[in-house]
Amino acid sequence: MALSWRDALEIFQEVAVGLKALHDQGLAHGDLWPGNIHLTIDQDVKLEGAGGLCRSPRPLSAILQGAALGYAAPERHRGAPATPGSDLYSLGLCLYNALARQDPFLAQESRLLLESILNQEPAALTTLCPNLPAEFLEFFRRLTAKDPTGRYASADDGLADLQALKAGKPLAPLR
Protein backbone atom coordinates (compact mmCIF):
# COMPACT_ATOMS: atom_id res chain seq x y z
CA MET A 1 0.00 0.00 0.00
CA ALA A 2 1.34 3.42 -0.96
CA LEU A 3 1.90 6.13 1.63
CA SER A 4 -0.18 9.28 1.70
CA TRP A 5 1.82 12.32 0.66
CA ARG A 6 1.55 13.72 4.19
CA ASP A 7 2.90 10.51 5.75
CA ALA A 8 5.67 10.43 3.16
CA LEU A 9 6.66 13.99 4.08
CA GLU A 10 6.98 12.98 7.74
CA ILE A 11 9.35 10.16 6.87
CA PHE A 12 11.33 12.13 4.32
CA GLN A 13 11.75 15.04 6.70
CA GLU A 14 13.75 12.70 8.94
CA VAL A 15 15.86 11.55 5.99
CA ALA A 16 16.48 15.19 5.00
CA VAL A 17 17.58 15.97 8.57
CA GLY A 18 20.09 13.12 8.33
CA LEU A 19 21.35 14.43 5.00
CA LYS A 20 21.65 17.92 6.45
CA ALA A 21 23.88 16.57 9.23
CA LEU A 22 26.17 15.02 6.61
CA HIS A 23 26.13 18.12 4.43
CA ASP A 24 26.94 20.35 7.41
CA GLN A 25 30.13 18.28 7.82
CA GLY A 26 31.09 18.83 4.20
CA LEU A 27 30.02 15.32 3.19
CA ALA A 28 27.52 13.92 0.72
CA HIS A 29 25.78 10.56 1.10
CA GLY A 30 26.24 9.62 -2.55
CA ASP A 31 24.27 6.36 -2.37
CA LEU A 32 20.68 7.27 -1.49
CA TRP A 33 17.97 4.95 -2.78
CA PRO A 34 14.93 3.30 -1.13
CA GLY A 35 17.04 0.33 0.02
CA ASN A 36 18.98 2.69 2.31
CA ILE A 37 15.95 4.18 4.05
CA HIS A 38 14.51 2.02 6.82
CA LEU A 39 11.60 2.39 9.23
CA THR A 40 11.98 0.60 12.54
CA ILE A 41 9.11 -1.01 14.44
CA ASP A 42 9.09 2.14 16.61
CA GLN A 43 8.65 4.26 13.43
CA ASP A 44 12.18 5.67 13.66
CA VAL A 45 13.76 6.47 10.31
CA LYS A 46 17.25 5.11 9.69
CA LEU A 47 19.48 6.26 6.86
CA GLU A 48 22.10 3.71 5.86
CA GLY A 49 24.58 2.79 3.19
CA ALA A 50 26.54 5.96 2.62
CA GLY A 51 28.67 4.27 -0.04
CA GLY A 52 29.86 7.55 -1.46
CA LEU A 53 30.42 9.12 1.94
CA CYS A 54 33.72 10.86 1.62
CA ARG A 55 35.21 14.22 0.82
CA SER A 56 37.06 13.00 -2.27
CA PRO A 57 35.15 12.11 -5.44
CA ARG A 58 34.76 8.46 -6.29
CA PRO A 59 33.44 7.08 -9.57
CA LEU A 60 29.75 6.26 -9.48
CA SER A 61 30.43 2.75 -10.75
CA ALA A 62 32.57 2.07 -7.66
CA ILE A 63 29.68 2.95 -5.36
CA LEU A 64 26.32 2.12 -6.88
CA GLN A 65 25.12 -1.05 -8.51
CA GLY A 66 21.80 -2.53 -9.61
CA ALA A 67 18.62 -0.70 -8.67
CA ALA A 68 20.50 2.06 -6.85
CA LEU A 69 21.81 3.37 -10.19
CA GLY A 70 18.30 4.51 -11.06
CA TYR A 71 18.30 6.94 -8.13
CA ALA A 72 21.57 8.77 -8.85
CA ALA A 73 21.37 12.32 -10.21
CA PRO A 74 22.08 12.85 -13.92
CA GLU A 75 25.33 14.69 -13.20
CA ARG A 76 26.57 11.70 -11.19
CA HIS A 77 26.09 9.53 -14.28
CA ARG A 78 28.19 12.05 -16.20
CA GLY A 79 31.06 11.62 -13.71
CA ALA A 80 30.49 14.46 -11.24
CA PRO A 81 31.08 13.81 -7.53
CA ALA A 82 28.24 13.51 -5.04
CA THR A 83 27.00 16.85 -3.71
CA PRO A 84 24.19 17.95 -1.41
CA GLY A 85 22.18 18.73 -4.57
CA SER A 86 22.69 15.24 -5.98
CA ASP A 87 21.64 13.76 -2.63
CA LEU A 88 18.44 15.83 -2.75
CA TYR A 89 17.73 14.61 -6.28
CA SER A 90 18.02 11.04 -4.99
CA LEU A 91 15.79 11.93 -2.04
CA GLY A 92 13.14 13.17 -4.49
CA LEU A 93 13.24 9.92 -6.44
CA CYS A 94 12.92 7.96 -3.17
CA LEU A 95 9.86 10.07 -2.37
CA TYR A 96 8.50 9.20 -5.81
CA ASN A 97 9.00 5.49 -5.07
CA ALA A 98 7.22 5.80 -1.71
CA LEU A 99 4.18 7.43 -3.31
CA ALA A 100 4.01 5.62 -6.66
CA ARG A 101 5.23 2.25 -5.34
CA GLN A 102 7.49 1.84 -8.35
CA ASP A 103 10.93 2.91 -9.44
CA PRO A 104 10.90 6.27 -11.21
CA PHE A 105 12.82 4.98 -14.21
CA LEU A 106 11.92 1.56 -15.56
CA ALA A 107 14.34 -0.21 -17.88
CA GLN A 108 15.69 -3.74 -18.09
CA GLU A 109 19.11 -2.76 -19.40
CA SER A 110 21.62 -0.39 -17.78
CA ARG A 111 22.07 1.50 -21.06
CA LEU A 112 18.32 2.19 -21.34
CA LEU A 113 18.13 3.13 -17.67
CA LEU A 114 20.93 5.64 -18.13
CA GLU A 115 19.24 7.08 -21.23
CA SER A 116 16.02 7.51 -19.26
CA ILE A 117 17.75 9.21 -16.34
CA LEU A 118 19.59 11.64 -18.60
CA ASN A 119 16.81 12.44 -21.07
CA GLN A 120 13.37 11.63 -19.66
CA GLU A 121 11.18 12.39 -16.71
CA PRO A 122 9.60 9.66 -14.58
CA ALA A 123 5.93 8.87 -15.23
CA ALA A 124 3.96 11.83 -13.90
CA LEU A 125 3.10 11.58 -10.23
CA THR A 126 -0.27 13.15 -11.06
CA THR A 127 -1.08 10.06 -13.12
CA LEU A 128 0.01 7.61 -10.43
CA CYS A 129 -1.24 9.66 -7.44
CA PRO A 130 -3.99 11.95 -8.76
CA ASN A 131 -4.76 13.87 -5.56
CA LEU A 132 -1.40 15.52 -4.94
CA PRO A 133 -1.59 19.28 -4.32
CA ALA A 134 0.17 21.67 -6.69
CA GLU A 135 2.58 22.87 -3.97
CA PHE A 136 3.67 19.28 -3.35
CA LEU A 137 4.28 18.78 -7.06
CA GLU A 138 6.40 21.94 -7.15
CA PHE A 139 8.39 20.70 -4.13
CA PHE A 140 8.96 17.40 -5.93
CA ARG A 141 10.01 19.24 -9.12
CA ARG A 142 12.56 21.25 -7.12
CA LEU A 143 14.01 18.06 -5.68
CA THR A 144 14.27 16.26 -9.01
CA ALA A 145 15.23 18.92 -11.55
CA LYS A 146 17.65 17.38 -14.07
CA ASP A 147 19.72 20.57 -14.10
CA PRO A 148 21.34 21.08 -10.67
CA THR A 149 20.78 24.85 -10.91
CA GLY A 150 17.01 24.24 -10.88
CA ARG A 151 17.21 22.02 -7.81
CA TYR A 152 17.58 22.64 -4.09
CA ALA A 153 21.26 23.20 -3.45
CA SER A 154 21.11 22.40 0.26
CA ALA A 155 19.15 20.30 2.69
CA ASP A 156 18.37 23.54 4.56
CA ASP A 157 16.42 24.89 1.57
CA GLY A 158 14.60 21.60 1.04
CA LEU A 159 13.73 21.32 4.72
CA ALA A 160 12.41 24.89 4.82
CA ASP A 161 10.06 24.16 1.93
CA LEU A 162 9.09 20.81 3.40
CA GLN A 163 8.05 22.59 6.60
CA ALA A 164 6.10 25.18 4.60
CA LEU A 165 4.36 22.43 2.65
CA LYS A 166 3.37 20.61 5.82
CA ALA A 167 2.02 23.87 7.28
CA GLY A 168 0.04 24.68 4.14
CA LYS A 169 2.20 27.72 3.37
CA PRO A 170 3.68 28.66 -0.02
CA LEU A 171 7.17 27.51 -0.95
CA ALA A 172 9.99 30.04 -0.82
CA PRO A 173 11.48 31.22 -4.12
CA LEU A 174 14.19 28.82 -5.25
CA ARG A 175 17.69 30.23 -4.69
C-alpha atoms as a PDB file:
ATOM      1  CA  MET A   1       0.000   0.000   0.000  1.00  0.00           C
ATOM      2  CA  ALA A   2       1.342   3.424  -0.963  1.00  0.00           C
ATOM      3  CA  LEU A   3       1.896   6.128   1.630  1.00  0.00           C
ATOM      4  CA  SER A   4      -0.176   9.277   1.705  1.00  0.00           C
ATOM      5  CA  TRP A   5       1.816  12.315   0.662  1.00  0.00           C
ATOM      6  CA  ARG A   6       1.550  13.716   4.190  1.00  0.00           C
ATOM      7  CA  ASP A   7       2.900  10.509   5.746  1.00  0.00           C
ATOM      8  CA  ALA A   8       5.673  10.429   3.161  1.00  0.00           C
ATOM      9  CA  LEU A   9       6.662  13.995   4.082  1.00  0.00           C
ATOM     10  CA  GLU A  10       6.977  12.980   7.743  1.00  0.00           C
ATOM     11  CA  ILE A  11       9.354  10.159   6.873  1.00  0.00           C
ATOM     12  CA  PHE A  12      11.334  12.132   4.323  1.00  0.00           C
ATOM     13  CA  GLN A  13      11.752  15.039   6.700  1.00  0.00           C
ATOM     14  CA  GLU A  14      13.747  12.702   8.935  1.00  0.00           C
ATOM     15  CA  VAL A  15      15.862  11.555   5.989  1.00  0.00           C
ATOM     16  CA  ALA A  16      16.476  15.191   5.005  1.00  0.00           C
ATOM     17  CA  VAL A  17      17.583  15.970   8.574  1.00  0.00           C
ATOM     18  CA  GLY A  18      20.092  13.116   8.328  1.00  0.00           C
ATOM     19  CA  LEU A  19      21.346  14.426   4.998  1.00  0.00           C
ATOM     20  CA  LYS A  20      21.650  17.920   6.454  1.00  0.00           C
ATOM     21  CA  ALA A  21      23.878  16.568   9.231  1.00  0.00           C
ATOM     22  CA  LEU A  22      26.170  15.019   6.613  1.00  0.00           C
ATOM     23  CA  HIS A  23      26.132  18.122   4.429  1.00  0.00           C
ATOM     24  CA  ASP A  24      26.943  20.350   7.409  1.00  0.00           C
ATOM     25  CA  GLN A  25      30.129  18.282   7.821  1.00  0.00           C
ATOM     26  CA  GLY A  26      31.095  18.834   4.196  1.00  0.00           C
ATOM     27  CA  LEU A  27      30.023  15.319   3.195  1.00  0.00           C
ATOM     28  CA  ALA A  28      27.518  13.924   0.722  1.00  0.00           C
ATOM     29  CA  HIS A  29      25.776  10.565   1.103  1.00  0.00           C
ATOM     30  CA  GLY A  30      26.245   9.624  -2.548  1.00  0.00           C
ATOM     31  CA  ASP A  31      24.266   6.364  -2.368  1.00  0.00           C
ATOM     32  CA  LEU A  32      20.684   7.269  -1.491  1.00  0.00           C
ATOM     33  CA  TRP A  33      17.968   4.955  -2.778  1.00  0.00           C
ATOM     34  CA  PRO A  34      14.932   3.296  -1.125  1.00  0.00           C
ATOM     35  CA  GLY A  35      17.042   0.330   0.015  1.00  0.00           C
ATOM     36  CA  ASN A  36      18.979   2.685   2.313  1.00  0.00           C
ATOM     37  CA  ILE A  37      15.947   4.179   4.054  1.00  0.00           C
ATOM     38  CA  HIS A  38      14.515   2.023   6.819  1.00  0.00           C
ATOM     39  CA  LEU A  39      11.601   2.390   9.226  1.00  0.00           C
ATOM     40  CA  THR A  40      11.980   0.599  12.543  1.00  0.00           C
ATOM     41  CA  ILE A  41       9.111  -1.006  14.441  1.00  0.00           C
ATOM     42  CA  ASP A  42       9.093   2.138  16.606  1.00  0.00           C
ATOM     43  CA  GLN A  43       8.652   4.257  13.428  1.00  0.00           C
ATOM     44  CA  ASP A  44      12.180   5.671  13.660  1.00  0.00           C
ATOM     45  CA  VAL A  45      13.756   6.470  10.307  1.00  0.00           C
ATOM     46  CA  LYS A  46      17.248   5.112   9.686  1.00  0.00           C
ATOM     47  CA  LEU A  47      19.481   6.256   6.861  1.00  0.00           C
ATOM     48  CA  GLU A  48      22.096   3.710   5.861  1.00  0.00           C
ATOM     49  CA  GLY A  49      24.585   2.788   3.191  1.00  0.00           C
ATOM     50  CA  ALA A  50      26.540   5.965   2.622  1.00  0.00           C
ATOM     51  CA  GLY A  51      28.666   4.267  -0.035  1.00  0.00           C
ATOM     52  CA  GLY A  52      29.862   7.554  -1.460  1.00  0.00           C
ATOM     53  CA  LEU A  53      30.417   9.125   1.938  1.00  0.00           C
ATOM     54  CA  CYS A  54      33.720  10.863   1.615  1.00  0.00           C
ATOM     55  CA  ARG A  55      35.209  14.218   0.824  1.00  0.00           C
ATOM     56  CA  SER A  56      37.060  12.996  -2.266  1.00  0.00           C
ATOM     57  CA  PRO A  57      35.154  12.115  -5.439  1.00  0.00           C
ATOM     58  CA  ARG A  58      34.765   8.456  -6.287  1.00  0.00           C
ATOM     59  CA  PRO A  59      33.441   7.077  -9.568  1.00  0.00           C
ATOM     60  CA  LEU A  60      29.753   6.264  -9.483  1.00  0.00           C
ATOM     61  CA  SER A  61      30.430   2.753 -10.753  1.00  0.00           C
ATOM     62  CA  ALA A  62      32.575   2.072  -7.663  1.00  0.00           C
ATOM     63  CA  ILE A  63      29.684   2.955  -5.361  1.00  0.00           C
ATOM     64  CA  LEU A  64      26.322   2.124  -6.884  1.00  0.00           C
ATOM     65  CA  GLN A  65      25.118  -1.054  -8.508  1.00  0.00           C
ATOM     66  CA  GLY A  66      21.805  -2.526  -9.606  1.00  0.00           C
ATOM     67  CA  ALA A  67      18.617  -0.699  -8.667  1.00  0.00           C
ATOM     68  CA  ALA A  68      20.504   2.062  -6.851  1.00  0.00           C
ATOM     69  CA  LEU A  69      21.814   3.368 -10.186  1.00  0.00           C
ATOM     70  CA  GLY A  70      18.299   4.512 -11.057  1.00  0.00           C
ATOM     71  CA  TYR A  71      18.301   6.940  -8.131  1.00  0.00           C
ATOM     72  CA  ALA A  72      21.566   8.772  -8.854  1.00  0.00           C
ATOM     73  CA  ALA A  73      21.365  12.322 -10.206  1.00  0.00           C
ATOM     74  CA  PRO A  74      22.083  12.851 -13.921  1.00  0.00           C
ATOM     75  CA  GLU A  75      25.326  14.695 -13.203  1.00  0.00           C
ATOM     76  CA  ARG A  76      26.573  11.704 -11.192  1.00  0.00           C
ATOM     77  CA  HIS A  77      26.087   9.533 -14.277  1.00  0.00           C
ATOM     78  CA  ARG A  78      28.187  12.051 -16.198  1.00  0.00           C
ATOM     79  CA  GLY A  79      31.065  11.615 -13.714  1.00  0.00           C
ATOM     80  CA  ALA A  80      30.492  14.464 -11.238  1.00  0.00           C
ATOM     81  CA  PRO A  81      31.079  13.806  -7.531  1.00  0.00           C
ATOM     82  CA  ALA A  82      28.244  13.506  -5.035  1.00  0.00           C
ATOM     83  CA  THR A  83      27.002  16.852  -3.713  1.00  0.00           C
ATOM     84  CA  PRO A  84      24.187  17.949  -1.413  1.00  0.00           C
ATOM     85  CA  GLY A  85      22.176  18.731  -4.567  1.00  0.00           C
ATOM     86  CA  SER A  86      22.686  15.241  -5.975  1.00  0.00           C
ATOM     87  CA  ASP A  87      21.639  13.763  -2.625  1.00  0.00           C
ATOM     88  CA  LEU A  88      18.439  15.828  -2.753  1.00  0.00           C
ATOM     89  CA  TYR A  89      17.725  14.607  -6.278  1.00  0.00           C
ATOM     90  CA  SER A  90      18.025  11.040  -4.990  1.00  0.00           C
ATOM     91  CA  LEU A  91      15.789  11.933  -2.044  1.00  0.00           C
ATOM     92  CA  GLY A  92      13.145  13.173  -4.491  1.00  0.00           C
ATOM     93  CA  LEU A  93      13.236   9.922  -6.435  1.00  0.00           C
ATOM     94  CA  CYS A  94      12.924   7.962  -3.171  1.00  0.00           C
ATOM     95  CA  LEU A  95       9.863  10.069  -2.370  1.00  0.00           C
ATOM     96  CA  TYR A  96       8.501   9.195  -5.814  1.00  0.00           C
ATOM     97  CA  ASN A  97       8.997   5.494  -5.067  1.00  0.00           C
ATOM     98  CA  ALA A  98       7.222   5.799  -1.709  1.00  0.00           C
ATOM     99  CA  LEU A  99       4.180   7.425  -3.310  1.00  0.00           C
ATOM    100  CA  ALA A 100       4.005   5.621  -6.659  1.00  0.00           C
ATOM    101  CA  ARG A 101       5.234   2.249  -5.344  1.00  0.00           C
ATOM    102  CA  GLN A 102       7.490   1.844  -8.352  1.00  0.00           C
ATOM    103  CA  ASP A 103      10.932   2.907  -9.444  1.00  0.00           C
ATOM    104  CA  PRO A 104      10.899   6.275 -11.208  1.00  0.00           C
ATOM    105  CA  PHE A 105      12.824   4.978 -14.213  1.00  0.00           C
ATOM    106  CA  LEU A 106      11.920   1.559 -15.557  1.00  0.00           C
ATOM    107  CA  ALA A 107      14.341  -0.210 -17.883  1.00  0.00           C
ATOM    108  CA  GLN A 108      15.685  -3.737 -18.087  1.00  0.00           C
ATOM    109  CA  GLU A 109      19.111  -2.759 -19.403  1.00  0.00           C
ATOM    110  CA  SER A 110      21.620  -0.391 -17.783  1.00  0.00           C
ATOM    111  CA  ARG A 111      22.074   1.503 -21.058  1.00  0.00           C
ATOM    112  CA  LEU A 112      18.323   2.186 -21.341  1.00  0.00           C
ATOM    113  CA  LEU A 113      18.133   3.133 -17.671  1.00  0.00           C
ATOM    114  CA  LEU A 114      20.929   5.639 -18.133  1.00  0.00           C
ATOM    115  CA  GLU A 115      19.236   7.079 -21.228  1.00  0.00           C
ATOM    116  CA  SER A 116      16.015   7.513 -19.260  1.00  0.00           C
ATOM    117  CA  ILE A 117      17.751   9.211 -16.338  1.00  0.00           C
ATOM    118  CA  LEU A 118      19.590  11.636 -18.595  1.00  0.00           C
ATOM    119  CA  ASN A 119      16.815  12.435 -21.074  1.00  0.00           C
ATOM    120  CA  GLN A 120      13.372  11.633 -19.664  1.00  0.00           C
ATOM    121  CA  GLU A 121      11.175  12.395 -16.705  1.00  0.00           C
ATOM    122  CA  PRO A 122       9.596   9.664 -14.582  1.00  0.00           C
ATOM    123  CA  ALA A 123       5.928   8.869 -15.229  1.00  0.00           C
ATOM    124  CA  ALA A 124       3.960  11.832 -13.900  1.00  0.00           C
ATOM    125  CA  LEU A 125       3.102  11.582 -10.227  1.00  0.00           C
ATOM    126  CA  THR A 126      -0.265  13.154 -11.056  1.00  0.00           C
ATOM    127  CA  THR A 127      -1.075  10.064 -13.121  1.00  0.00           C
ATOM    128  CA  LEU A 128       0.007   7.614 -10.426  1.00  0.00           C
ATOM    129  CA  CYS A 129      -1.236   9.664  -7.440  1.00  0.00           C
ATOM    130  CA  PRO A 130      -3.989  11.946  -8.764  1.00  0.00           C
ATOM    131  CA  ASN A 131      -4.761  13.873  -5.564  1.00  0.00           C
ATOM    132  CA  LEU A 132      -1.403  15.525  -4.936  1.00  0.00           C
ATOM    133  CA  PRO A 133      -1.589  19.281  -4.321  1.00  0.00           C
ATOM    134  CA  ALA A 134       0.166  21.673  -6.685  1.00  0.00           C
ATOM    135  CA  GLU A 135       2.581  22.870  -3.965  1.00  0.00           C
ATOM    136  CA  PHE A 136       3.668  19.280  -3.348  1.00  0.00           C
ATOM    137  CA  LEU A 137       4.281  18.778  -7.061  1.00  0.00           C
ATOM    138  CA  GLU A 138       6.405  21.943  -7.149  1.00  0.00           C
ATOM    139  CA  PHE A 139       8.387  20.701  -4.127  1.00  0.00           C
ATOM    140  CA  PHE A 140       8.956  17.404  -5.931  1.00  0.00           C
ATOM    141  CA  ARG A 141      10.009  19.238  -9.118  1.00  0.00           C
ATOM    142  CA  ARG A 142      12.555  21.249  -7.124  1.00  0.00           C
ATOM    143  CA  LEU A 143      14.014  18.060  -5.680  1.00  0.00           C
ATOM    144  CA  THR A 144      14.270  16.265  -9.008  1.00  0.00           C
ATOM    145  CA  ALA A 145      15.229  18.919 -11.555  1.00  0.00           C
ATOM    146  CA  LYS A 146      17.652  17.380 -14.068  1.00  0.00           C
ATOM    147  CA  ASP A 147      19.718  20.573 -14.103  1.00  0.00           C
ATOM    148  CA  PRO A 148      21.336  21.078 -10.666  1.00  0.00           C
ATOM    149  CA  THR A 149      20.780  24.846 -10.911  1.00  0.00           C
ATOM    150  CA  GLY A 150      17.011  24.243 -10.883  1.00  0.00           C
ATOM    151  CA  ARG A 151      17.214  22.024  -7.809  1.00  0.00           C
ATOM    152  CA  TYR A 152      17.577  22.638  -4.090  1.00  0.00           C
ATOM    153  CA  ALA A 153      21.262  23.201  -3.448  1.00  0.00           C
ATOM    154  CA  SER A 154      21.113  22.399   0.261  1.00  0.00           C
ATOM    155  CA  ALA A 155      19.148  20.302   2.689  1.00  0.00           C
ATOM    156  CA  ASP A 156      18.367  23.538   4.557  1.00  0.00           C
ATOM    157  CA  ASP A 157      16.420  24.888   1.569  1.00  0.00           C
ATOM    158  CA  GLY A 158      14.604  21.599   1.037  1.00  0.00           C
ATOM    159  CA  LEU A 159      13.729  21.318   4.725  1.00  0.00           C
ATOM    160  CA  ALA A 160      12.415  24.891   4.822  1.00  0.00           C
ATOM    161  CA  ASP A 161      10.057  24.163   1.930  1.00  0.00           C
ATOM    162  CA  LEU A 162       9.087  20.806   3.399  1.00  0.00           C
ATOM    163  CA  GLN A 163       8.051  22.590   6.601  1.00  0.00           C
ATOM    164  CA  ALA A 164       6.099  25.179   4.600  1.00  0.00           C
ATOM    165  CA  LEU A 165       4.365  22.427   2.647  1.00  0.00           C
ATOM    166  CA  LYS A 166       3.367  20.606   5.823  1.00  0.00           C
ATOM    167  CA  ALA A 167       2.021  23.873   7.278  1.00  0.00           C
ATOM    168  CA  GLY A 168       0.038  24.675   4.135  1.00  0.00           C
ATOM    169  CA  LYS A 169       2.196  27.721   3.368  1.00  0.00           C
ATOM    170  CA  PRO A 170       3.678  28.663  -0.020  1.00  0.00           C
ATOM    171  CA  LEU A 171       7.170  27.511  -0.952  1.00  0.00           C
ATOM    172  CA  ALA A 172       9.993  30.042  -0.820  1.00  0.00           C
ATOM    173  CA  PRO A 173      11.483  31.223  -4.116  1.00  0.00           C
ATOM    174  CA  LEU A 174      14.193  28.817  -5.245  1.00  0.00           C
ATOM    175  CA  ARG A 175      17.686  30.234  -4.689  1.00  0.00           C
END
